[in-house]
Amino acid sequence: MTQWEYFITPLPLHTPGVVLNNLGKMGWELVQVMTGPEGGSVAYLKRPLTAEGE
């Protein structure tokens, strides 16, 4: 069974695509973007857990 690790990060207004593309190159998959509690966008990402990440 695949185990996952998760990452939550705010997205800057001026370069959200750059941030998401860089995270995607590191193996992160975007799950959802929501409005944060203080406004702005927050990205929720996941990737398979590897032996070194355990």
PDB file of N, CA and C in Angstrom:
ATOM      1  N   MET A   1       0.843  -1.175   0.000  1.00  0.00           N
ATOM      2  CA  MET A   1       0.000   0.000   0.000  1.00  0.00           C
ATOM      3  C   MET A   1       0.897   1.250   0.000  1.00  0.00           C
ATOM      4  N   THR A   2       0.536   2.200  -0.822  1.00  0.00           N
ATOM      5  CA  THR A   2       1.305   3.440  -0.898  1.00  0.00           C
ATOM      6  C   THR A   2       1.072   4.278   0.345  1.00  0.00           C
ATOM      7  N   GLN A   3       2.165   4.756   0.913  1.00  0.00           N
ATOM      8  CA  GLN A   3       2.077   5.708   2.017  1.00  0.00           C
ATOM      9  C   GLN A   3       2.446   7.076   1.461  1.00  0.00           C
ATOM     10  N   TRP A   4       1.832   8.110   2.002  1.00  0.00           N
ATOM     11  CA  TRP A   4       1.999   9.461   1.481  1.00  0.00           C
ATOM     12  C   TRP A   4       2.581  10.393   2.531  1.00  0.00           C
ATOM     13  N   GLU A   5       3.282  11.402   2.038  1.00  0.00           N
ATOM     14  CA  GLU A   5       3.651  12.532   2.886  1.00  0.00           C
ATOM     15  C   GLU A   5       2.958  13.749   2.295  1.00  0.00           C
ATOM     16  N   TYR A   6       2.678  14.712   3.142  1.00  0.00           N
ATOM     17  CA  TYR A   6       1.888  15.873   2.730  1.00  0.00           C
ATOM     18  C   TYR A   6       2.652  17.167   3.008  1.00  0.00           C
ATOM     19  N   PHE A   7       2.328  18.177   2.186  1.00  0.00           N
ATOM     20  CA  PHE A   7       2.980  19.476   2.307  1.00  0.00           C
ATOM     21  C   PHE A   7       1.923  20.544   2.085  1.00  0.00           C
ATOM     22  N   ILE A   8       1.868  21.528   2.959  1.00  0.00           N
ATOM     23  CA  ILE A   8       0.917  22.633   2.857  1.00  0.00           C
ATOM     24  C   ILE A   8       1.722  23.918   2.788  1.00  0.00           C
ATOM     25  N   THR A   9       1.420  24.760   1.800  1.00  0.00           N
ATOM     26  CA  THR A   9       2.185  25.992   1.623  1.00  0.00           C
ATOM     27  C   THR A   9       1.306  27.116   1.087  1.00  0.00           C
ATOM     28  N   PRO A  10       1.550  28.347   1.518  1.00  0.00           N
ATOM     29  CA  PRO A  10       0.835  29.477   0.916  1.00  0.00           C
ATOM     30  C   PRO A  10       1.363  29.704  -0.503  1.00  0.00           C
ATOM     31  N   LEU A  11       0.505  30.194  -1.370  1.00  0.00           N
ATOM     32  CA  LEU A  11       0.903  30.509  -2.746  1.00  0.00           C
ATOM     33  C   LEU A  11       0.987  32.019  -2.911  1.00  0.00           C
ATOM     34  N   PRO A  12       2.095  32.517  -3.431  1.00  0.00           N
ATOM     35  CA  PRO A  12       2.206  33.959  -3.660  1.00  0.00           C
ATOM     36  C   PRO A  12       1.262  34.396  -4.786  1.00  0.00           C
ATOM     37  N   LEU A  13       0.711  35.573  -4.659  1.00  0.00           N
ATOM     38  CA  LEU A  13      -0.230  36.074  -5.661  1.00  0.00           C
ATOM     39  C   LEU A  13       0.410  36.260  -7.032  1.00  0.00           C
ATOM     40  N   HIS A  14       1.662  36.656  -7.069  1.00  0.00           N
ATOM     41  CA  HIS A  14       2.292  37.019  -8.335  1.00  0.00           C
ATOM     42  C   HIS A  14       2.943  35.844  -9.066  1.00  0.00           C
ATOM     43  N   THR A  15       3.235  34.718  -8.409  1.00  0.00           N
ATOM     44  CA  THR A  15       3.915  33.607  -9.099  1.00  0.00           C
ATOM     45  C   THR A  15       3.441  32.228  -8.633  1.00  0.00           C
ATOM     46  N   PRO A  16       2.134  31.980  -8.557  1.00  0.00           N
ATOM     47  CA  PRO A  16       1.712  30.660  -8.072  1.00  0.00           C
ATOM     48  C   PRO A  16       2.148  29.532  -8.997  1.00  0.00           C
ATOM     49  N   GLY A  17       2.146  29.763 -10.303  1.00  0.00           N
ATOM     50  CA  GLY A  17       2.548  28.724 -11.257  1.00  0.00           C
ATOM     51  C   GLY A  17       4.002  28.332 -11.100  1.00  0.00           C
ATOM     52  N   VAL A  18       4.858  29.290 -10.848  1.00  0.00           N
ATOM     53  CA  VAL A  18       6.286  29.014 -10.659  1.00  0.00           C
ATOM     54  C   VAL A  18       6.486  28.134  -9.431  1.00  0.00           C
ATOM     55  N   VAL A  19       5.817  28.477  -8.342  1.00  0.00           N
ATOM     56  CA  VAL A  19       5.932  27.697  -7.106  1.00  0.00           C
ATOM     57  C   VAL A  19       5.434  26.277  -7.342  1.00  0.00           C
ATOM     58  N   LEU A  20       4.255  26.127  -7.949  1.00  0.00           N
ATOM     59  CA  LEU A  20       3.690  24.792  -8.173  1.00  0.00           C
ATOM     60  C   LEU A  20       4.545  23.978  -9.151  1.00  0.00           C
ATOM     61  N   ASN A  21       5.086  24.593 -10.182  1.00  0.00           N
ATOM     62  CA  ASN A  21       5.958  23.871 -11.116  1.00  0.00           C
ATOM     63  C   ASN A  21       7.227  23.388 -10.418  1.00  0.00           C
ATOM     64  N   ASN A  22       7.804  24.213  -9.562  1.00  0.00           N
ATOM     65  CA  ASN A  22       9.008  23.800  -8.829  1.00  0.00           C
ATOM     66  C   ASN A  22       8.710  22.645  -7.883  1.00  0.00           C
ATOM     67  N   LEU A  23       7.583  22.706  -7.189  1.00  0.00           N
ATOM     68  CA  LEU A  23       7.206  21.610  -6.295  1.00  0.00           C
ATOM     69  C   LEU A  23       6.902  20.344  -7.086  1.00  0.00           C
ATOM     70  N   GLY A  24       6.281  20.487  -8.243  1.00  0.00           N
ATOM     71  CA  GLY A  24       6.011  19.333  -9.098  1.00  0.00           C
ATOM     72  C   GLY A  24       7.288  18.645  -9.550  1.00  0.00           C
ATOM     73  N   LYS A  25       8.329  19.414  -9.829  1.00  0.00           N
ATOM     74  CA  LYS A  25       9.624  18.840 -10.219  1.00  0.00           C
ATOM     75  C   LYS A  25      10.255  18.058  -9.073  1.00  0.00           C
ATOM     76  N   MET A  26       9.851  18.366  -7.837  1.00  0.00           N
ATOM     77  CA  MET A  26      10.363  17.647  -6.663  1.00  0.00           C
ATOM     78  C   MET A  26       9.464  16.465  -6.294  1.00  0.00           C
ATOM     79  N   GLY A  27       8.469  16.177  -7.148  1.00  0.00           N
ATOM     80  CA  GLY A  27       7.626  15.012  -6.936  1.00  0.00           C
ATOM     81  C   GLY A  27       6.319  15.279  -6.220  1.00  0.00           C
ATOM     82  N   TRP A  28       6.023  16.536  -5.909  1.00  0.00           N
ATOM     83  CA  TRP A  28       4.785  16.863  -5.211  1.00  0.00           C
ATOM     84  C   TRP A  28       3.642  16.959  -6.209  1.00  0.00           C
ATOM     85  N   GLU A  29       2.487  16.405  -5.834  1.00  0.00           N
ATOM     86  CA  GLU A  29       1.274  16.470  -6.651  1.00  0.00           C
ATOM     87  C   GLU A  29       0.266  17.367  -5.941  1.00  0.00           C
ATOM     88  N   LEU A  30      -0.266  18.337  -6.676  1.00  0.00           N
ATOM     89  CA  LEU A  30      -1.256  19.245  -6.116  1.00  0.00           C
ATOM     90  C   LEU A  30      -2.556  18.498  -5.872  1.00  0.00           C
ATOM     91  N   VAL A  31      -3.071  18.604  -4.665  1.00  0.00           N
ATOM     92  CA  VAL A  31      -4.337  17.964  -4.303  1.00  0.00           C
ATOM     93  C   VAL A  31      -5.465  18.984  -4.336  1.00  0.00           C
ATOM     94  N   GLN A  32      -5.201  20.168  -3.754  1.00  0.00           N
ATOM     95  CA  GLN A  32      -6.254  21.172  -3.673  1.00  0.00           C
ATOM     96  C   GLN A  32      -5.648  22.532  -3.369  1.00  0.00           C
ATOM     97  N   VAL A  33      -6.328  23.577  -3.823  1.00  0.00           N
ATOM     98  CA  VAL A  33      -5.991  24.952  -3.455  1.00  0.00           C
ATOM     99  C   VAL A  33      -7.222  25.534  -2.776  1.00  0.00           C
ATOM    100  N   MET A  34      -7.013  26.122  -1.607  1.00  0.00           N
ATOM    101  CA  MET A  34      -8.115  26.721  -0.845  1.00  0.00           C
ATOM    102  C   MET A  34      -7.713  28.127  -0.394  1.00  0.00           C
ATOM    103  N   THR A  35      -8.695  28.901  -0.011  1.00  0.00           N
ATOM    104  CA  THR A  35      -8.427  30.206   0.587  1.00  0.00           C
ATOM    105  C   THR A  35      -8.009  29.987   2.033  1.00  0.00           C
ATOM    106  N   GLY A  36      -6.884  30.586   2.416  1.00  0.00           N
ATOM    107  CA  GLY A  36      -6.373  30.447   3.770  1.00  0.00           C
ATOM    108  C   GLY A  36      -7.200  31.225   4.775  1.00  0.00           C
ATOM    109  N   PRO A  37      -6.989  30.972   6.062  1.00  0.00           N
ATOM    110  CA  PRO A  37      -7.766  31.644   7.103  1.00  0.00           C
ATOM    111  C   PRO A  37      -7.562  33.163   7.138  1.00  0.00           C
ATOM    112  N   GLU A  38      -6.419  33.613   6.632  1.00  0.00           N
ATOM    113  CA  GLU A  38      -6.141  35.054   6.609  1.00  0.00           C
ATOM    114  C   GLU A  38      -6.225  35.614   5.193  1.00  0.00           C
ATOM    115  N   GLY A  39      -6.862  34.867   4.287  1.00  0.00           N
ATOM    116  CA  GLY A  39      -6.938  35.265   2.889  1.00  0.00           C
ATOM    117  C   GLY A  39      -5.768  34.676   2.123  1.00  0.00           C
ATOM    118  N   GLY A  40      -5.741  34.871   0.846  1.00  0.00           N
ATOM    119  CA  GLY A  40      -4.687  34.295   0.027  1.00  0.00           C
ATOM    120  C   GLY A  40      -4.954  32.815  -0.230  1.00  0.00           C
ATOM    121  N   SER A  41      -4.172  32.233  -1.106  1.00  0.00           N
ATOM    122  CA  SER A  41      -4.346  30.838  -1.475  1.00  0.00           C
ATOM    123  C   SER A  41      -3.350  29.953  -0.748  1.00  0.00           C
ATOM    124  N   VAL A  42      -3.812  28.770  -0.386  1.00  0.00           N
ATOM    125  CA  VAL A  42      -2.976  27.767   0.266  1.00  0.00           C
ATOM    126  C   VAL A  42      -3.060  26.496  -0.562  1.00  0.00           C
ATOM    127  N   ALA A  43      -1.909  25.911  -0.887  1.00  0.00           N
ATOM    128  CA  ALA A  43      -1.854  24.686  -1.679  1.00  0.00           C
ATOM    129  C   ALA A  43      -1.606  23.486  -0.778  1.00  0.00           C
ATOM    130  N   TYR A  44      -2.334  22.412  -1.053  1.00  0.00           N
ATOM    131  CA  TYR A  44      -2.174  21.137  -0.348  1.00  0.00           C
ATOM    132  C   TYR A  44      -1.614  20.145  -1.358  1.00  0.00           C
ATOM    133  N   LEU A  45      -0.456  19.557  -1.033  1.00  0.00           N
ATOM    134  CA  LEU A  45       0.224  18.663  -1.954  1.00  0.00           C
ATOM    135  C   LEU A  45       0.557  17.338  -1.282  1.00  0.00           C
ATOM    136  N   LYS A  46       0.793  16.310  -2.097  1.00  0.00           N
ATOM    137  CA  LYS A  46       1.186  15.003  -1.570  1.00  0.00           C
ATOM    138  C   LYS A  46       2.194  14.370  -2.510  1.00  0.00           C
ATOM    139  N   ARG A  47       2.966  13.411  -1.983  1.00  0.00           N
ATOM    140  CA  ARG A  47       3.853  12.590  -2.794  1.00  0.00           C
ATOM    141  C   ARG A  47       4.076  11.279  -2.053  1.00  0.00           C
ATOM    142  N   PRO A  48       4.408  10.235  -2.797  1.00  0.00           N
ATOM    143  CA  PRO A  48       4.647   8.949  -2.137  1.00  0.00           C
ATOM    144  C   PRO A  48       5.802   9.059  -1.162  1.00  0.00           C
ATOM    145  N   LEU A  49       5.648   8.427  -0.017  1.00  0.00           N
ATOM    146  CA  LEU A  49       6.689   8.411   1.004  1.00  0.00           C
ATOM    147  C   LEU A  49       7.792   7.449   0.560  1.00  0.00           C
ATOM    148  N   THR A  50       9.027   7.907   0.620  1.00  0.00           N
ATOM    149  CA  THR A  50      10.164   7.067   0.246  1.00  0.00           C
ATOM    150  C   THR A  50      10.897   6.632   1.500  1.00  0.00           C
ATOM    151  N   ALA A  51      11.807   5.686   1.361  1.00  0.00           N
ATOM    152  CA  ALA A  51      12.564   5.186   2.507  1.00  0.00           C
ATOM    153  C   ALA A  51      13.320   6.316   3.202  1.00  0.00           C
ATOM    154  N   GLU A  52      13.868   7.271   2.425  1.00  0.00           N
ATOM    155  CA  GLU A  52      14.611   8.361   3.037  1.00  0.00           C
ATOM    156  C   GLU A  52      13.694   9.368   3.732  1.00  0.00           C
ATOM    157  N   GLY A  53      12.402   9.425   3.356  1.00  0.00           N
ATOM    158  CA  GLY A  53      11.454  10.331   3.978  1.00  0.00           C
ATOM    159  C   GLY A  53      10.806   9.759   5.219  1.00  0.00           C
ATOM    160  N   GLU A  54      11.042   8.485   5.497  1.00  0.00           N
ATOM    161  CA  GLU A  54      10.425   7.842   6.650  1.00  0.00           C
ATOM    162  C   GLU A  54      11.143   8.211   7.931  1.00  0.00           C
TER     163      GLU A  54
END
